[in-house]
């Protein structure tokens, strides 16, 4: 799809305006209710849907299909990010009323850094078509790694700070407590970071690590930088509200990693087939409608089986607890 510089500028200005409105509404630190999170989640998904319909009207079916496939894929991968966000919030003991500010700024950092990744990826793909082989192989390997992690049954997960974050803490120092929403304070005559800034950097830089598989995944669905960027932007911008909306349900999505591994593996195979086709090998290519159908089907099946498995496990635990109570009564 041909995208003019004017459209790029208008899109970025429009997204910046939406972010500004979101920031203005949530500028006062407060505990986000389920109702507020639900309303804003619907708003962001509706805006993404309207943008996709706009692409359908002005660009045709293919760009619209690529956007929806990319948006759904990025959204599902971002849900997996929320597991780590929960660990980060617990690690830094972020007060409830400050969590929304942390997520907003952290997501903004991630969005800017992802834009750099997307620009670099688009330039590489334009110059070197063989990079599709690398992207495809990487996604297949990531899919296998996700399966291994899901089968490892690691119950006590902990967030470990990355090297960049540790280096920043050593260089600038960190205050011993939160100071409202302040990012820097003076302590013993020295300017130091507050835990608020540290956790924002942790959210932003951690999301960039997730981009290492999500960016190749969406390039497997479309090579249009405009669609890649907008799909990422809409998926990330609603992530803050999604955190508060389904935070308590995350543990019930026990099969999510399996579903994501299937999606990443599927897109990896699609990339390899596309690379072979570009090399002149006559192989079938997977169309966008098929890709969209597979992605949606995997997510629906994964969600249903996860909820059924969680309900079964909860019933088993309740029965076990009741049996222990009866035994205790007999012993007494």
Protein backbone atom coordinates (compact mmCIF):
# COMPACT_ATOMS: atom_id res chain seq x y z
CA UNK A 1 0.00 0.00 0.00
CA UNK A 2 1.35 3.40 -1.02
CA UNK A 3 1.53 5.68 2.04
CA UNK A 4 2.36 9.35 1.59
CA UNK A 5 4.40 11.36 4.07
CA UNK A 6 1.26 13.39 4.81
CA UNK A 7 -0.61 10.24 5.89
CA UNK A 8 2.33 9.18 8.06
CA UNK A 9 2.35 12.59 9.78
CA UNK A 10 -1.43 12.61 10.26
CA UNK A 11 -1.36 9.09 11.70
CA UNK A 12 1.40 9.89 14.18
CA UNK A 13 -0.30 13.16 15.19
CA UNK A 14 -3.60 11.30 15.64
CA UNK A 15 -2.00 8.59 17.79
CA UNK A 16 -0.18 11.25 19.83
CA UNK A 17 -3.49 13.05 20.41
CA UNK A 18 -5.13 9.82 21.62
CA UNK A 19 -2.22 9.18 23.98
CA UNK A 20 -2.46 12.77 25.27
CA UNK A 21 -6.17 12.33 25.99
CA UNK A 22 -5.45 9.04 27.78
CA UNK A 23 -2.70 10.71 29.82
CA UNK A 24 -4.89 13.72 30.65
CA UNK A 25 -7.75 11.55 31.89
CA UNK A 26 -5.44 9.40 34.01
CA UNK A 27 -3.09 12.21 35.11
CA UNK A 28 -4.24 12.05 38.73
CA UNK A 29 -2.88 8.92 40.48
CA UNK A 30 -5.75 6.65 41.45
CA UNK A 31 -6.70 2.99 41.71
CA UNK A 32 -8.15 1.89 38.38
CA UNK A 33 -11.52 0.17 38.71
CA UNK A 34 -12.66 -2.78 36.60
CA UNK A 35 -15.36 -0.55 35.07
CA UNK A 36 -12.86 2.14 34.01
CA UNK A 37 -10.46 -0.45 32.60
CA UNK A 38 -13.30 -2.20 30.75
CA UNK A 39 -14.61 1.02 29.18
CA UNK A 40 -11.17 2.07 27.95
CA UNK A 41 -10.37 -1.41 26.66
CA UNK A 42 -13.54 -1.29 24.56
CA UNK A 43 -12.60 2.22 23.37
CA UNK A 44 -9.12 1.17 22.18
CA UNK A 45 -10.41 -1.98 20.47
CA UNK A 46 -13.17 0.05 18.79
CA UNK A 47 -10.63 2.62 17.56
CA UNK A 48 -8.49 -0.19 16.15
CA UNK A 49 -11.56 -1.65 14.43
CA UNK A 50 -12.47 1.74 12.92
CA UNK A 51 -8.90 2.20 11.69
CA UNK A 52 -9.04 -1.23 10.05
CA UNK A 53 -12.35 -0.36 8.40
CA UNK A 54 -10.78 2.86 7.15
CA UNK A 55 -8.02 0.80 5.53
CA UNK A 56 -10.69 -1.42 3.97
CA UNK A 57 -12.52 1.54 2.45
CA UNK A 58 -9.50 3.51 1.22
CA UNK A 59 -6.88 0.80 0.74
CA UNK A 60 -8.79 -2.36 -0.06
CA UNK A 61 -9.24 -5.79 1.50
CA UNK A 62 -5.59 -6.84 1.60
CA UNK A 63 -4.25 -3.96 3.78
CA UNK A 64 -7.26 -4.26 6.08
CA UNK A 65 -6.81 -8.01 6.43
CA UNK A 66 -3.09 -7.58 7.13
CA UNK A 67 -3.85 -4.95 9.79
CA UNK A 68 -6.44 -7.08 11.60
CA UNK A 69 -4.20 -10.17 11.47
CA UNK A 70 -1.25 -8.13 12.78
CA UNK A 71 -3.31 -6.39 15.46
CA UNK A 72 -4.80 -9.64 16.80
CA UNK A 73 -1.37 -11.31 16.80
CA UNK A 74 0.30 -8.38 18.59
CA UNK A 75 -2.59 -8.12 21.06
CA UNK A 76 -2.37 -11.81 21.94
CA UNK A 77 1.41 -11.59 22.34
CA UNK A 78 1.00 -8.49 24.52
CA UNK A 79 -1.27 -10.44 26.87
CA UNK A 80 1.70 -12.72 27.48
CA UNK A 81 3.70 -9.58 28.39
CA UNK A 82 1.24 -8.89 31.19
CA UNK A 83 2.53 -11.91 33.12
CA UNK A 84 5.93 -10.21 33.32
CA UNK A 85 4.35 -6.83 34.13
CA UNK A 86 2.67 -8.43 37.14
CA UNK A 87 6.05 -9.76 38.30
CA UNK A 88 7.67 -6.33 37.83
CA UNK A 89 4.94 -4.58 39.84
CA UNK A 90 5.40 -7.10 42.65
CA UNK A 91 9.21 -6.90 42.50
CA UNK A 92 9.23 -3.12 42.95
CA UNK A 93 6.17 -3.06 45.26
CA UNK A 94 4.46 -0.38 43.16
CA UNK A 95 1.57 1.24 45.08
CA UNK A 96 -1.78 0.54 43.43
CA UNK A 97 -2.54 4.22 42.73
CA UNK A 98 0.73 4.63 40.76
CA UNK A 99 0.50 1.50 38.63
CA UNK A 100 -1.47 3.15 35.82
CA UNK A 101 1.14 5.94 35.46
CA UNK A 102 3.96 3.39 35.42
CA UNK A 103 2.27 1.37 32.68
CA UNK A 104 1.43 4.43 30.57
CA UNK A 105 4.99 5.77 30.49
CA UNK A 106 6.47 2.28 30.18
CA UNK A 107 4.28 1.53 27.17
CA UNK A 108 5.23 4.87 25.58
CA UNK A 109 8.92 3.98 25.94
CA UNK A 110 8.20 0.59 24.37
CA UNK A 111 6.27 2.19 21.49
CA UNK A 112 9.13 4.56 20.62
CA UNK A 113 11.72 1.77 20.78
CA UNK A 114 9.50 -0.54 18.70
CA UNK A 115 9.21 2.16 16.04
CA UNK A 116 13.01 2.05 15.75
CA UNK A 117 12.89 -1.76 15.48
CA UNK A 118 10.20 -1.56 12.78
CA UNK A 119 12.16 0.99 10.73
CA UNK A 120 15.29 -1.16 10.96
CA UNK A 121 13.36 -4.32 10.08
CA UNK A 122 11.73 -2.68 7.05
CA UNK A 123 15.12 -1.45 5.79
CA UNK A 124 16.69 -4.90 6.22
CA UNK A 125 13.81 -6.68 4.44
CA UNK A 126 13.97 -4.22 1.53
CA UNK A 127 17.71 -4.81 1.07
CA UNK A 128 18.01 -8.50 1.95
CA UNK A 129 15.11 -10.81 1.08
CA UNK A 130 16.94 -13.79 2.60
CA UNK A 131 16.29 -12.32 6.04
CA UNK A 132 12.85 -14.00 5.86
CA UNK A 133 14.65 -17.33 6.36
CA UNK A 134 16.18 -15.98 9.58
CA UNK A 135 12.90 -14.52 10.81
CA UNK A 136 11.07 -17.77 10.05
CA UNK A 137 13.68 -19.95 11.76
CA UNK A 138 13.73 -17.61 14.78
CA UNK A 139 9.96 -17.77 15.20
CA UNK A 140 9.91 -21.57 14.93
CA UNK A 141 12.68 -21.75 17.54
CA UNK A 142 10.77 -19.29 19.77
CA UNK A 143 7.63 -21.42 19.43
CA UNK A 144 9.55 -24.50 20.57
CA UNK A 145 11.07 -22.56 23.47
CA UNK A 146 7.59 -21.41 24.58
CA UNK A 147 6.41 -25.02 24.66
CA UNK A 148 9.42 -26.06 26.74
CA UNK A 149 8.79 -23.21 29.20
CA UNK A 150 5.10 -24.08 29.45
CA UNK A 151 5.95 -27.71 30.26
CA UNK A 152 8.59 -26.81 32.85
CA UNK A 153 5.93 -26.00 35.50
CA UNK A 154 7.89 -23.15 37.06
CA UNK A 155 5.58 -21.94 39.78
CA UNK A 156 7.79 -19.42 41.58
CA UNK A 157 8.74 -17.03 38.82
CA UNK A 158 10.67 -13.91 39.70
CA UNK A 159 11.56 -10.86 37.66
CA UNK A 160 15.29 -10.27 37.27
CA UNK A 161 16.50 -6.84 36.22
CA UNK A 162 18.34 -6.66 32.90
CA UNK A 163 21.93 -5.43 32.61
CA UNK A 164 20.94 -2.03 31.22
CA UNK A 165 18.68 -1.34 34.18
CA UNK A 166 21.30 -2.47 36.69
CA UNK A 167 23.89 -0.22 35.05
CA UNK A 168 21.54 2.79 35.29
CA UNK A 169 20.89 2.07 38.97
CA UNK A 170 24.61 1.85 39.72
CA UNK A 171 25.39 5.09 37.86
CA UNK A 172 22.59 7.30 39.21
CA UNK A 173 21.53 5.57 42.43
CA UNK A 174 17.97 4.86 43.55
CA UNK A 175 15.94 6.44 46.34
CA UNK A 176 14.82 4.19 49.16
CA UNK A 177 11.09 4.89 48.69
CA UNK A 178 8.51 6.27 46.28
CA UNK A 179 8.05 10.06 46.16
CA UNK A 180 4.65 10.33 44.52
CA UNK A 181 5.03 10.43 40.73
CA UNK A 182 8.43 12.15 40.84
CA UNK A 183 11.12 10.51 38.70
CA UNK A 184 14.17 12.28 40.18
CA UNK A 185 14.89 13.68 43.66
CA UNK A 186 17.89 15.10 45.50
CA UNK A 187 19.13 12.81 48.26
CA UNK A 188 22.17 13.70 50.38
CA UNK A 189 23.03 16.41 47.87
CA UNK A 190 22.97 13.98 44.92
CA UNK A 191 20.37 13.67 42.18
CA UNK A 192 19.05 10.08 42.20
CA UNK A 193 16.32 8.12 40.45
CA UNK A 194 13.13 7.21 42.27
CA UNK A 195 11.74 3.67 42.20
CA UNK A 196 9.00 5.11 39.94
CA UNK A 197 11.51 5.83 37.16
CA UNK A 198 13.21 2.45 37.65
CA UNK A 199 9.99 0.49 37.25
CA UNK A 200 9.01 2.57 34.18
CA UNK A 201 12.34 1.72 32.56
CA UNK A 202 11.85 -1.92 33.56
CA UNK A 203 8.44 -2.06 31.83
CA UNK A 204 9.72 -0.29 28.69
CA UNK A 205 12.95 -2.25 28.24
CA UNK A 206 11.31 -5.59 29.05
CA UNK A 207 8.70 -4.98 26.36
CA UNK A 208 11.49 -4.39 23.84
CA UNK A 209 12.74 -7.92 24.59
CA UNK A 210 9.27 -9.21 23.73
CA UNK A 211 9.48 -7.23 20.48
CA UNK A 212 12.28 -9.56 19.37
CA UNK A 213 9.63 -12.16 18.50
CA UNK A 214 6.56 -9.98 17.92
CA UNK A 215 8.18 -7.75 15.26
CA UNK A 216 9.33 -10.72 13.09
CA UNK A 217 5.88 -12.26 13.65
CA UNK A 218 4.01 -9.29 12.21
CA UNK A 219 6.51 -8.94 9.35
CA UNK A 220 5.48 -12.50 8.54
CA UNK A 221 1.93 -11.23 8.01
CA UNK A 222 2.72 -7.99 6.19
CA UNK A 223 5.83 -6.22 4.92
CA UNK A 224 4.13 -2.81 4.92
CA UNK A 225 5.88 -0.63 7.59
CA UNK A 226 2.77 1.53 7.96
CA UNK A 227 0.56 -1.45 8.86
CA UNK A 228 3.27 -2.95 11.08
CA UNK A 229 3.59 0.31 13.03
CA UNK A 230 -0.13 1.03 13.40
CA UNK A 231 -0.94 -2.58 14.42
CA UNK A 232 1.78 -2.40 17.10
CA UNK A 233 0.62 1.03 18.25
CA UNK A 234 -3.04 0.04 18.71
CA UNK A 235 -2.05 -3.23 20.41
CA UNK A 236 0.28 -1.48 22.87
CA UNK A 237 -1.86 1.56 23.62
CA UNK A 238 -4.66 -0.48 25.13
CA UNK A 239 -2.26 -2.64 27.15
CA UNK A 240 -2.47 -0.52 30.31
CA UNK A 241 -6.24 -0.92 30.63
CA UNK A 242 -6.01 -4.60 29.73
CA UNK A 243 -3.59 -5.09 32.64
CA UNK A 244 -6.21 -3.90 35.15
CA UNK A 245 -9.08 -5.63 33.38
CA UNK A 246 -7.73 -9.18 33.16
CA UNK A 247 -4.93 -9.03 35.75
CA UNK A 248 -6.82 -11.45 37.97
CA UNK A 249 -7.60 -13.77 35.05
CA UNK A 250 -4.03 -14.14 33.81
CA UNK A 251 -3.34 -17.18 35.95
CA UNK A 252 -6.40 -18.89 34.46
CA UNK A 253 -4.98 -18.69 30.92
CA UNK A 254 -2.92 -21.81 31.55
CA UNK A 255 -2.74 -22.80 27.87
CA UNK A 256 -1.86 -19.35 26.52
CA UNK A 257 1.80 -20.25 25.96
CA UNK A 258 0.78 -23.27 23.89
CA UNK A 259 -1.54 -21.12 21.77
CA UNK A 260 1.13 -18.47 21.22
CA UNK A 261 3.67 -21.13 20.31
CA UNK A 262 1.29 -22.49 17.64
CA UNK A 263 0.75 -18.97 16.26
CA UNK A 264 4.47 -18.16 16.18
CA UNK A 265 5.31 -21.52 14.64
CA UNK A 266 2.59 -21.06 12.02
CA UNK A 267 3.87 -17.59 11.08
CA UNK A 268 7.44 -18.95 11.04
CA UNK A 269 6.43 -21.58 8.49
CA UNK A 270 4.60 -18.87 6.51
CA UNK A 271 7.80 -16.79 6.44
CA UNK A 272 9.92 -19.71 5.25
CA UNK A 273 7.43 -20.47 2.46
CA UNK A 274 7.44 -16.80 1.47
CA UNK A 275 11.26 -16.78 1.42
CA UNK A 276 11.30 -19.89 -0.79
CA UNK A 277 8.77 -18.29 -3.10
CA UNK A 278 10.92 -15.15 -3.34
CA UNK A 279 13.89 -17.37 -4.20
CA UNK A 280 12.01 -18.81 -7.18
CA UNK A 281 10.92 -22.09 -5.58
CA UNK A 282 7.34 -23.04 -6.48
CA UNK A 283 5.72 -23.56 -3.09
CA UNK A 284 2.23 -22.62 -1.88
CA UNK A 285 1.94 -19.36 0.05
CA UNK A 286 -0.44 -18.89 2.97
CA UNK A 287 -2.94 -16.11 2.31
CA UNK A 288 -3.95 -13.41 4.79
CA UNK A 289 -7.55 -14.76 5.22
CA UNK A 290 -6.14 -18.18 6.10
CA UNK A 291 -3.63 -16.61 8.50
CA UNK A 292 -6.35 -14.55 10.19
CA UNK A 293 -8.60 -17.60 10.50
CA UNK A 294 -5.85 -19.77 12.02
CA UNK A 295 -4.82 -17.06 14.52
CA UNK A 296 -8.41 -16.42 15.68
CA UNK A 297 -9.21 -20.15 15.91
CA UNK A 298 -6.09 -20.89 17.99
CA UNK A 299 -6.86 -18.03 20.40
CA UNK A 300 -10.50 -19.10 20.85
CA UNK A 301 -9.59 -22.76 21.45
CA UNK A 302 -6.74 -21.78 23.80
CA UNK A 303 -8.99 -19.49 25.86
CA UNK A 304 -11.79 -22.06 26.14
CA UNK A 305 -9.49 -24.94 27.11
CA UNK A 306 -7.64 -22.70 29.58
CA UNK A 307 -10.82 -21.68 31.38
CA UNK A 308 -12.09 -25.28 31.47
CA UNK A 309 -8.76 -26.53 32.85
CA UNK A 310 -8.69 -23.75 35.47
CA UNK A 311 -12.24 -24.53 36.55
CA UNK A 312 -11.43 -28.23 36.83
CA UNK A 313 -8.30 -27.50 38.87
CA UNK A 314 -10.21 -25.14 41.18
CA UNK A 315 -12.89 -27.80 41.76
CA UNK A 316 -10.22 -30.40 42.53
CA UNK A 317 -8.51 -28.07 45.00
CA UNK A 318 -11.82 -27.26 46.68
CA UNK A 319 -12.64 -30.97 47.01
CA UNK A 320 -9.17 -31.64 48.42
CA UNK A 321 -9.54 -28.81 50.93
CA UNK A 322 -12.94 -30.15 52.00
CA UNK A 323 -11.47 -33.62 52.51
CA UNK A 324 -8.64 -32.19 54.65
CA UNK A 325 -11.22 -30.32 56.75
CA UNK A 326 -13.25 -33.49 57.31
CA UNK A 327 -10.11 -35.39 58.33
CA UNK A 328 -9.21 -32.66 60.79
CA UNK A 329 -12.69 -32.87 62.31
CA UNK A 330 -12.37 -36.65 62.73
CA UNK A 331 -8.96 -36.27 64.39
CA UNK A 332 -10.36 -33.72 66.81
